[in-house]
Amino acid sequence: ALLALAHTGHGGGMAIFLSWTIGNVV
């Protein structure tokens, strides 16, 4: 999720945070 967000233009700190949430959801 981190790599996907980074390469789709999401460069803020909350994008990193979002990857944690995605990991738990899955």
mmCIF file of all heavy atoms, coordinates in Angstrom:
data_MODEL
# 
_entry.id   MODEL 
# 
loop_
_atom_site.group_PDB 
_atom_site.id 
_atom_site.type_symbol 
_atom_site.label_atom_id 
_atom_site.label_alt_id 
_atom_site.label_comp_id 
_atom_site.label_asym_id 
_atom_site.label_entity_id 
_atom_site.label_seq_id 
_atom_site.pdbx_PDB_ins_code 
_atom_site.Cartn_x 
_atom_site.Cartn_y 
_atom_site.Cartn_z 
_atom_site.occupancy 
_atom_site.B_iso_or_equiv 
_atom_site.pdbx_formal_charge 
_atom_site.auth_seq_id 
_atom_site.auth_comp_id 
_atom_site.auth_asym_id 
_atom_site.auth_atom_id 
_atom_site.pdbx_PDB_model_num 
ATOM 1   N N   . ALA A 1 1  ? 0.830  -1.205 0.000  1.00 0.00 ? 1  ALA A N   1 
ATOM 2   C CA  . ALA A 1 1  ? 0.000  0.000  0.000  1.00 0.00 ? 1  ALA A CA  1 
ATOM 3   C C   . ALA A 1 1  ? 0.864  1.254  0.000  1.00 0.00 ? 1  ALA A C   1 
ATOM 4   O O   . ALA A 1 1  ? 0.541  2.243  -0.672 1.00 0.00 ? 1  ALA A O   1 
ATOM 5   C CB  . ALA A 1 1  ? -0.921 -0.003 1.214  1.00 0.00 ? 1  ALA A CB  1 
ATOM 6   N N   . LEU A 1 2  ? 1.963  1.226  0.764  1.00 0.00 ? 2  LEU A N   1 
ATOM 7   C CA  . LEU A 1 2  ? 2.869  2.378  0.813  1.00 0.00 ? 2  LEU A CA  1 
ATOM 8   C C   . LEU A 1 2  ? 3.427  2.696  -0.571 1.00 0.00 ? 2  LEU A C   1 
ATOM 9   O O   . LEU A 1 2  ? 3.423  3.866  -1.005 1.00 0.00 ? 2  LEU A O   1 
ATOM 10  C CB  . LEU A 1 2  ? 4.011  2.089  1.787  1.00 0.00 ? 2  LEU A CB  1 
ATOM 11  C CG  . LEU A 1 2  ? 5.047  3.203  1.961  1.00 0.00 ? 2  LEU A CG  1 
ATOM 12  C CD1 . LEU A 1 2  ? 4.459  4.330  2.795  1.00 0.00 ? 2  LEU A CD1 1 
ATOM 13  C CD2 . LEU A 1 2  ? 6.317  2.659  2.617  1.00 0.00 ? 2  LEU A CD2 1 
ATOM 14  N N   . LEU A 1 3  ? 3.890  1.676  -1.270 1.00 0.00 ? 3  LEU A N   1 
ATOM 15  C CA  . LEU A 1 3  ? 4.454  1.887  -2.604 1.00 0.00 ? 3  LEU A CA  1 
ATOM 16  C C   . LEU A 1 3  ? 3.382  2.356  -3.582 1.00 0.00 ? 3  LEU A C   1 
ATOM 17  O O   . LEU A 1 3  ? 3.630  3.231  -4.419 1.00 0.00 ? 3  LEU A O   1 
ATOM 18  C CB  . LEU A 1 3  ? 5.099  0.594  -3.108 1.00 0.00 ? 3  LEU A CB  1 
ATOM 19  C CG  . LEU A 1 3  ? 6.367  0.149  -2.356 1.00 0.00 ? 3  LEU A CG  1 
ATOM 20  C CD1 . LEU A 1 3  ? 6.822  -1.221 -2.846 1.00 0.00 ? 3  LEU A CD1 1 
ATOM 21  C CD2 . LEU A 1 3  ? 7.468  1.181  -2.528 1.00 0.00 ? 3  LEU A CD2 1 
ATOM 22  N N   . ALA A 1 4  ? 2.184  1.766  -3.467 1.00 0.00 ? 4  ALA A N   1 
ATOM 23  C CA  . ALA A 1 4  ? 1.096  2.164  -4.362 1.00 0.00 ? 4  ALA A CA  1 
ATOM 24  C C   . ALA A 1 4  ? 0.724  3.628  -4.151 1.00 0.00 ? 4  ALA A C   1 
ATOM 25  O O   . ALA A 1 4  ? 0.533  4.391  -5.115 1.00 0.00 ? 4  ALA A O   1 
ATOM 26  C CB  . ALA A 1 4  ? -0.117 1.265  -4.150 1.00 0.00 ? 4  ALA A CB  1 
ATOM 27  N N   . LEU A 1 5  ? 0.636  4.051  -2.913 1.00 0.00 ? 5  LEU A N   1 
ATOM 28  C CA  . LEU A 1 5  ? 0.287  5.440  -2.617 1.00 0.00 ? 5  LEU A CA  1 
ATOM 29  C C   . LEU A 1 5  ? 1.392  6.390  -3.068 1.00 0.00 ? 5  LEU A C   1 
ATOM 30  O O   . LEU A 1 5  ? 1.112  7.471  -3.612 1.00 0.00 ? 5  LEU A O   1 
ATOM 31  C CB  . LEU A 1 5  ? 0.034  5.597  -1.113 1.00 0.00 ? 5  LEU A CB  1 
ATOM 32  C CG  . LEU A 1 5  ? -1.240 4.932  -0.579 1.00 0.00 ? 5  LEU A CG  1 
ATOM 33  C CD1 . LEU A 1 5  ? -1.221 4.867  0.946  1.00 0.00 ? 5  LEU A CD1 1 
ATOM 34  C CD2 . LEU A 1 5  ? -2.476 5.697  -1.063 1.00 0.00 ? 5  LEU A CD2 1 
ATOM 35  N N   . ALA A 1 6  ? 2.639  5.985  -2.845 1.00 0.00 ? 6  ALA A N   1 
ATOM 36  C CA  . ALA A 1 6  ? 3.757  6.848  -3.231 1.00 0.00 ? 6  ALA A CA  1 
ATOM 37  C C   . ALA A 1 6  ? 3.817  7.054  -4.736 1.00 0.00 ? 6  ALA A C   1 
ATOM 38  O O   . ALA A 1 6  ? 4.160  8.150  -5.212 1.00 0.00 ? 6  ALA A O   1 
ATOM 39  C CB  . ALA A 1 6  ? 5.073  6.251  -2.731 1.00 0.00 ? 6  ALA A CB  1 
ATOM 40  N N   . HIS A 1 7  ? 3.468  6.034  -5.502 1.00 0.00 ? 7  HIS A N   1 
ATOM 41  C CA  . HIS A 1 7  ? 3.579  6.118  -6.962 1.00 0.00 ? 7  HIS A CA  1 
ATOM 42  C C   . HIS A 1 7  ? 2.288  6.558  -7.639 1.00 0.00 ? 7  HIS A C   1 
ATOM 43  O O   . HIS A 1 7  ? 2.188  6.544  -8.864 1.00 0.00 ? 7  HIS A O   1 
ATOM 44  C CB  . HIS A 1 7  ? 4.031  4.768  -7.529 1.00 0.00 ? 7  HIS A CB  1 
ATOM 45  C CG  . HIS A 1 7  ? 5.466  4.450  -7.215 1.00 0.00 ? 7  HIS A CG  1 
ATOM 46  N ND1 . HIS A 1 7  ? 5.855  3.760  -6.078 1.00 0.00 ? 7  HIS A ND1 1 
ATOM 47  C CD2 . HIS A 1 7  ? 6.610  4.759  -7.879 1.00 0.00 ? 7  HIS A CD2 1 
ATOM 48  C CE1 . HIS A 1 7  ? 7.164  3.638  -6.067 1.00 0.00 ? 7  HIS A CE1 1 
ATOM 49  N NE2 . HIS A 1 7  ? 7.656  4.235  -7.143 1.00 0.00 ? 7  HIS A NE2 1 
ATOM 50  N N   . THR A 1 8  ? 1.300  6.941  -6.835 1.00 0.00 ? 8  THR A N   1 
ATOM 51  C CA  . THR A 1 8  ? 0.079  7.506  -7.410 1.00 0.00 ? 8  THR A CA  1 
ATOM 52  C C   . THR A 1 8  ? -0.116 8.952  -6.976 1.00 0.00 ? 8  THR A C   1 
ATOM 53  O O   . THR A 1 8  ? -1.228 9.464  -6.993 1.00 0.00 ? 8  THR A O   1 
ATOM 54  C CB  . THR A 1 8  ? -1.156 6.662  -7.006 1.00 0.00 ? 8  THR A CB  1 
ATOM 55  O OG1 . THR A 1 8  ? -1.196 6.515  -5.577 1.00 0.00 ? 8  THR A OG1 1 
ATOM 56  C CG2 . THR A 1 8  ? -1.108 5.290  -7.668 1.00 0.00 ? 8  THR A CG2 1 
ATOM 57  N N   . GLY A 1 9  ? 0.978  9.566  -6.539 1.00 0.00 ? 9  GLY A N   1 
ATOM 58  C CA  . GLY A 1 9  ? 0.949  10.993 -6.244 1.00 0.00 ? 9  GLY A CA  1 
ATOM 59  C C   . GLY A 1 9  ? 0.554  11.372 -4.845 1.00 0.00 ? 9  GLY A C   1 
ATOM 60  O O   . GLY A 1 9  ? 0.360  12.553 -4.559 1.00 0.00 ? 9  GLY A O   1 
ATOM 61  N N   . HIS A 1 10 ? 0.436  10.411 -3.944 1.00 0.00 ? 10 HIS A N   1 
ATOM 62  C CA  . HIS A 1 10 ? 0.076  10.706 -2.554 1.00 0.00 ? 10 HIS A CA  1 
ATOM 63  C C   . HIS A 1 10 ? 1.365  10.780 -1.725 1.00 0.00 ? 10 HIS A C   1 
ATOM 64  O O   . HIS A 1 10 ? 1.895  9.771  -1.299 1.00 0.00 ? 10 HIS A O   1 
ATOM 65  C CB  . HIS A 1 10 ? -0.861 9.635  -1.990 1.00 0.00 ? 10 HIS A CB  1 
ATOM 66  C CG  . HIS A 1 10 ? -2.145 9.505  -2.744 1.00 0.00 ? 10 HIS A CG  1 
ATOM 67  N ND1 . HIS A 1 10 ? -2.272 8.745  -3.898 1.00 0.00 ? 10 HIS A ND1 1 
ATOM 68  C CD2 . HIS A 1 10 ? -3.361 10.059 -2.526 1.00 0.00 ? 10 HIS A CD2 1 
ATOM 69  C CE1 . HIS A 1 10 ? -3.506 8.816  -4.332 1.00 0.00 ? 10 HIS A CE1 1 
ATOM 70  N NE2 . HIS A 1 10 ? -4.201 9.612  -3.529 1.00 0.00 ? 10 HIS A NE2 1 
ATOM 71  N N   . GLY A 1 11 ? 1.836  12.003 -1.514 1.00 0.00 ? 11 GLY A N   1 
ATOM 72  C CA  . GLY A 1 11 ? 3.147  12.164 -0.911 1.00 0.00 ? 11 GLY A CA  1 
ATOM 73  C C   . GLY A 1 11 ? 3.150  12.679 0.508  1.00 0.00 ? 11 GLY A C   1 
ATOM 74  O O   . GLY A 1 11 ? 4.225  12.920 1.066  1.00 0.00 ? 11 GLY A O   1 
ATOM 75  N N   . GLY A 1 12 ? 2.009  12.867 1.135  1.00 0.00 ? 12 GLY A N   1 
ATOM 76  C CA  . GLY A 1 12 ? 1.964  13.425 2.485  1.00 0.00 ? 12 GLY A CA  1 
ATOM 77  C C   . GLY A 1 12 ? 2.117  12.373 3.571  1.00 0.00 ? 12 GLY A C   1 
ATOM 78  O O   . GLY A 1 12 ? 2.072  11.165 3.314  1.00 0.00 ? 12 GLY A O   1 
ATOM 79  N N   . GLY A 1 13 ? 2.279  12.857 4.797  1.00 0.00 ? 13 GLY A N   1 
ATOM 80  C CA  . GLY A 1 13 ? 2.437  11.949 5.921  1.00 0.00 ? 13 GLY A CA  1 
ATOM 81  C C   . GLY A 1 13 ? 1.215  11.096 6.177  1.00 0.00 ? 13 GLY A C   1 
ATOM 82  O O   . GLY A 1 13 ? 1.332  9.939  6.614  1.00 0.00 ? 13 GLY A O   1 
ATOM 83  N N   . MET A 1 14 ? 0.027  11.614 5.895  1.00 0.00 ? 14 MET A N   1 
ATOM 84  C CA  . MET A 1 14 ? -1.176 10.834 6.121  1.00 0.00 ? 14 MET A CA  1 
ATOM 85  C C   . MET A 1 14 ? -1.335 9.704  5.113  1.00 0.00 ? 14 MET A C   1 
ATOM 86  O O   . MET A 1 14 ? -2.097 8.761  5.342  1.00 0.00 ? 14 MET A O   1 
ATOM 87  C CB  . MET A 1 14 ? -2.406 11.735 6.128  1.00 0.00 ? 14 MET A CB  1 
ATOM 88  C CG  . MET A 1 14 ? -2.460 12.684 7.315  1.00 0.00 ? 14 MET A CG  1 
ATOM 89  S SD  . MET A 1 14 ? -2.249 11.857 8.922  1.00 0.00 ? 14 MET A SD  1 
ATOM 90  C CE  . MET A 1 14 ? -3.783 10.935 9.034  1.00 0.00 ? 14 MET A CE  1 
ATOM 91  N N   . ALA A 1 15 ? -0.621 9.795  3.995  1.00 0.00 ? 15 ALA A N   1 
ATOM 92  C CA  . ALA A 1 15 ? -0.607 8.664  3.060  1.00 0.00 ? 15 ALA A CA  1 
ATOM 93  C C   . ALA A 1 15 ? 0.139  7.490  3.684  1.00 0.00 ? 15 ALA A C   1 
ATOM 94  O O   . ALA A 1 15 ? -0.266 6.327  3.539  1.00 0.00 ? 15 ALA A O   1 
ATOM 95  C CB  . ALA A 1 15 ? 0.048  9.079  1.749  1.00 0.00 ? 15 ALA A CB  1 
ATOM 96  N N   . ILE A 1 16 ? 1.226  7.783  4.391  1.00 0.00 ? 16 ILE A N   1 
ATOM 97  C CA  . ILE A 1 16 ? 1.945  6.726  5.109  1.00 0.00 ? 16 ILE A CA  1 
ATOM 98  C C   . ILE A 1 16 ? 1.034  6.121  6.174  1.00 0.00 ? 16 ILE A C   1 
ATOM 99  O O   . ILE A 1 16 ? 0.953  4.901  6.326  1.00 0.00 ? 16 ILE A O   1 
ATOM 100 C CB  . ILE A 1 16 ? 3.230  7.285  5.749  1.00 0.00 ? 16 ILE A CB  1 
ATOM 101 C CG1 . ILE A 1 16 ? 4.137  7.908  4.679  1.00 0.00 ? 16 ILE A CG1 1 
ATOM 102 C CG2 . ILE A 1 16 ? 3.968  6.199  6.515  1.00 0.00 ? 16 ILE A CG2 1 
ATOM 103 C CD1 . ILE A 1 16 ? 5.388  8.566  5.246  1.00 0.00 ? 16 ILE A CD1 1 
ATOM 104 N N   . PHE A 1 17 ? 0.340  6.979  6.899  1.00 0.00 ? 17 PHE A N   1 
ATOM 105 C CA  . PHE A 1 17 ? -0.588 6.511  7.925  1.00 0.00 ? 17 PHE A CA  1 
ATOM 106 C C   . PHE A 1 17 ? -1.670 5.626  7.313  1.00 0.00 ? 17 PHE A C   1 
ATOM 107 O O   . PHE A 1 17 ? -2.044 4.597  7.887  1.00 0.00 ? 17 PHE A O   1 
ATOM 108 C CB  . PHE A 1 17 ? -1.221 7.708  8.632  1.00 0.00 ? 17 PHE A CB  1 
ATOM 109 C CG  . PHE A 1 17 ? -2.218 7.346  9.693  1.00 0.00 ? 17 PHE A CG  1 
ATOM 110 C CD1 . PHE A 1 17 ? -1.809 7.131  11.002 1.00 0.00 ? 17 PHE A CD1 1 
ATOM 111 C CD2 . PHE A 1 17 ? -3.566 7.218  9.392  1.00 0.00 ? 17 PHE A CD2 1 
ATOM 112 C CE1 . PHE A 1 17 ? -2.727 6.798  11.988 1.00 0.00 ? 17 PHE A CE1 1 
ATOM 113 C CE2 . PHE A 1 17 ? -4.489 6.878  10.364 1.00 0.00 ? 17 PHE A CE2 1 
ATOM 114 C CZ  . PHE A 1 17 ? -4.065 6.668  11.669 1.00 0.00 ? 17 PHE A CZ  1 
ATOM 115 N N   . LEU A 1 18 ? -2.183 6.024  6.159  1.00 0.00 ? 18 LEU A N   1 
ATOM 116 C CA  . LEU A 1 18 ? -3.250 5.262  5.506  1.00 0.00 ? 18 LEU A CA  1 
ATOM 117 C C   . LEU A 1 18 ? -2.808 3.839  5.194  1.00 0.00 ? 18 LEU A C   1 
ATOM 118 O O   . LEU A 1 18 ? -3.614 2.900  5.263  1.00 0.00 ? 18 LEU A O   1 
ATOM 119 C CB  . LEU A 1 18 ? -3.690 5.975  4.226  1.00 0.00 ? 18 LEU A CB  1 
ATOM 120 C CG  . LEU A 1 18 ? -4.786 5.294  3.394  1.00 0.00 ? 18 LEU A CG  1 
ATOM 121 C CD1 . LEU A 1 18 ? -6.056 5.118  4.221  1.00 0.00 ? 18 LEU A CD1 1 
ATOM 122 C CD2 . LEU A 1 18 ? -5.064 6.098  2.129  1.00 0.00 ? 18 LEU A CD2 1 
ATOM 123 N N   . SER A 1 19 ? -1.539 3.660  4.851  1.00 0.00 ? 19 SER A N   1 
ATOM 124 C CA  . SER A 1 19 ? -1.064 2.315  4.531  1.00 0.00 ? 19 SER A CA  1 
ATOM 125 C C   . SER A 1 19 ? -1.176 1.392  5.746  1.00 0.00 ? 19 SER A C   1 
ATOM 126 O O   . SER A 1 19 ? -1.407 0.186  5.603  1.00 0.00 ? 19 SER A O   1 
ATOM 127 C CB  . SER A 1 19 ? 0.380  2.370  4.017  1.00 0.00 ? 19 SER A CB  1 
ATOM 128 O OG  . SER A 1 19 ? 1.276  2.780  5.028  1.00 0.00 ? 19 SER A OG  1 
ATOM 129 N N   . TRP A 1 20 ? -1.016 1.930  6.946  1.00 0.00 ? 20 TRP A N   1 
ATOM 130 C CA  . TRP A 1 20 ? -1.202 1.124  8.157  1.00 0.00 ? 20 TRP A CA  1 
ATOM 131 C C   . TRP A 1 20 ? -2.650 0.644  8.258  1.00 0.00 ? 20 TRP A C   1 
ATOM 132 O O   . TRP A 1 20 ? -2.904 -0.521 8.551  1.00 0.00 ? 20 TRP A O   1 
ATOM 133 C CB  . TRP A 1 20 ? -0.872 1.956  9.404  1.00 0.00 ? 20 TRP A CB  1 
ATOM 134 C CG  . TRP A 1 20 ? 0.582  2.120  9.662  1.00 0.00 ? 20 TRP A CG  1 
ATOM 135 C CD1 . TRP A 1 20 ? 1.470  2.838  8.923  1.00 0.00 ? 20 TRP A CD1 1 
ATOM 136 C CD2 . TRP A 1 20 ? 1.341  1.547  10.735 1.00 0.00 ? 20 TRP A CD2 1 
ATOM 137 N NE1 . TRP A 1 20 ? 2.722  2.764  9.466  1.00 0.00 ? 20 TRP A NE1 1 
ATOM 138 C CE2 . TRP A 1 20 ? 2.675  1.983  10.576 1.00 0.00 ? 20 TRP A CE2 1 
ATOM 139 C CE3 . TRP A 1 20 ? 1.018  0.739  11.814 1.00 0.00 ? 20 TRP A CE3 1 
ATOM 140 C CZ2 . TRP A 1 20 ? 3.684  1.613  11.466 1.00 0.00 ? 20 TRP A CZ2 1 
ATOM 141 C CZ3 . TRP A 1 20 ? 2.018  0.377  12.702 1.00 0.00 ? 20 TRP A CZ3 1 
ATOM 142 C CH2 . TRP A 1 20 ? 3.330  0.809  12.516 1.00 0.00 ? 20 TRP A CH2 1 
ATOM 143 N N   . THR A 1 21 ? -3.580 1.544  8.008  1.00 0.00 ? 21 THR A N   1 
ATOM 144 C CA  . THR A 1 21 ? -4.993 1.187  8.088  1.00 0.00 ? 21 THR A CA  1 
ATOM 145 C C   . THR A 1 21 ? -5.348 0.137  7.051  1.00 0.00 ? 21 THR A C   1 
ATOM 146 O O   . THR A 1 21 ? -6.078 -0.821 7.346  1.00 0.00 ? 21 THR A O   1 
ATOM 147 C CB  . THR A 1 21 ? -5.859 2.444  7.882  1.00 0.00 ? 21 THR A CB  1 
ATOM 148 O OG1 . THR A 1 21 ? -5.486 3.429  8.855  1.00 0.00 ? 21 THR A OG1 1 
ATOM 149 C CG2 . THR A 1 21 ? -7.335 2.117  8.023  1.00 0.00 ? 21 THR A CG2 1 
ATOM 150 N N   . ILE A 1 22 ? -4.830 0.302  5.852  1.00 0.00 ? 22 ILE A N   1 
ATOM 151 C CA  . ILE A 1 22 ? -5.104 -0.679 4.794  1.00 0.00 ? 22 ILE A CA  1 
ATOM 152 C C   . ILE A 1 22 ? -4.589 -2.055 5.195  1.00 0.00 ? 22 ILE A C   1 
ATOM 153 O O   . ILE A 1 22 ? -5.258 -3.077 4.985  1.00 0.00 ? 22 ILE A O   1 
ATOM 154 C CB  . ILE A 1 22 ? -4.473 -0.214 3.466  1.00 0.00 ? 22 ILE A CB  1 
ATOM 155 C CG1 . ILE A 1 22 ? -5.172 1.053  2.964  1.00 0.00 ? 22 ILE A CG1 1 
ATOM 156 C CG2 . ILE A 1 22 ? -4.547 -1.324 2.419  1.00 0.00 ? 22 ILE A CG2 1 
ATOM 157 C CD1 . ILE A 1 22 ? -4.517 1.676  1.750  1.00 0.00 ? 22 ILE A CD1 1 
ATOM 158 N N   . GLY A 1 23 ? -3.398 -2.106 5.797  1.00 0.00 ? 23 GLY A N   1 
ATOM 159 C CA  . GLY A 1 23 ? -2.842 -3.386 6.231  1.00 0.00 ? 23 GLY A CA  1 
ATOM 160 C C   . GLY A 1 23 ? -3.741 -4.084 7.237  1.00 0.00 ? 23 GLY A C   1 
ATOM 161 O O   . GLY A 1 23 ? -3.999 -5.289 7.135  1.00 0.00 ? 23 GLY A O   1 
ATOM 162 N N   . ASN A 1 24 ? -4.246 -3.341 8.208  1.00 0.00 ? 24 ASN A N   1 
ATOM 163 C CA  . ASN A 1 24 ? -5.138 -3.937 9.208  1.00 0.00 ? 24 ASN A CA  1 
ATOM 164 C C   . ASN A 1 24 ? -6.468 -4.375 8.602  1.00 0.00 ? 24 ASN A C   1 
ATOM 165 O O   . ASN A 1 24 ? -7.002 -5.432 8.946  1.00 0.00 ? 24 ASN A O   1 
ATOM 166 C CB  . ASN A 1 24 ? -5.387 -2.944 10.345 1.00 0.00 ? 24 ASN A CB  1 
ATOM 167 C CG  . ASN A 1 24 ? -4.253 -2.904 11.347 1.00 0.00 ? 24 ASN A CG  1 
ATOM 168 O OD1 . ASN A 1 24 ? -3.530 -3.870 11.533 1.00 0.00 ? 24 ASN A OD1 1 
ATOM 169 N ND2 . ASN A 1 24 ? -4.072 -1.759 11.981 1.00 0.00 ? 24 ASN A ND2 1 
ATOM 170 N N   . VAL A 1 25 ? -7.002 -3.562 7.699  1.00 0.00 ? 25 VAL A N   1 
ATOM 171 C CA  . VAL A 1 25 ? -8.281 -3.901 7.066  1.00 0.00 ? 25 VAL A CA  1 
ATOM 172 C C   . VAL A 1 25 ? -8.180 -5.220 6.316  1.00 0.00 ? 25 VAL A C   1 
ATOM 173 O O   . VAL A 1 25 ? -9.068 -6.084 6.400  1.00 0.00 ? 25 VAL A O   1 
ATOM 174 C CB  . VAL A 1 25 ? -8.725 -2.770 6.110  1.00 0.00 ? 25 VAL A CB  1 
ATOM 175 C CG1 . VAL A 1 25 ? -9.858 -3.237 5.212  1.00 0.00 ? 25 VAL A CG1 1 
ATOM 176 C CG2 . VAL A 1 25 ? -9.157 -1.547 6.908  1.00 0.00 ? 25 VAL A CG2 1 
ATOM 177 N N   . VAL A 1 26 ? -7.088 -5.395 5.565  1.00 0.00 ? 26 VAL A N   1 
ATOM 178 C CA  . VAL A 1 26 ? -6.929 -6.611 4.760  1.00 0.00 ? 26 VAL A CA  1 
ATOM 179 C C   . VAL A 1 26 ? -6.649 -7.825 5.638  1.00 0.00 ? 26 VAL A C   1 
ATOM 180 O O   . VAL A 1 26 ? -7.112 -8.933 5.341  1.00 0.00 ? 26 VAL A O   1 
ATOM 181 C CB  . VAL A 1 26 ? -5.798 -6.412 3.728  1.00 0.00 ? 26 VAL A CB  1 
ATOM 182 C CG1 . VAL A 1 26 ? -5.493 -7.723 2.991  1.00 0.00 ? 26 VAL A CG1 1 
ATOM 183 C CG2 . VAL A 1 26 ? -6.181 -5.325 2.728  1.00 0.00 ? 26 VAL A CG2 1 
# 
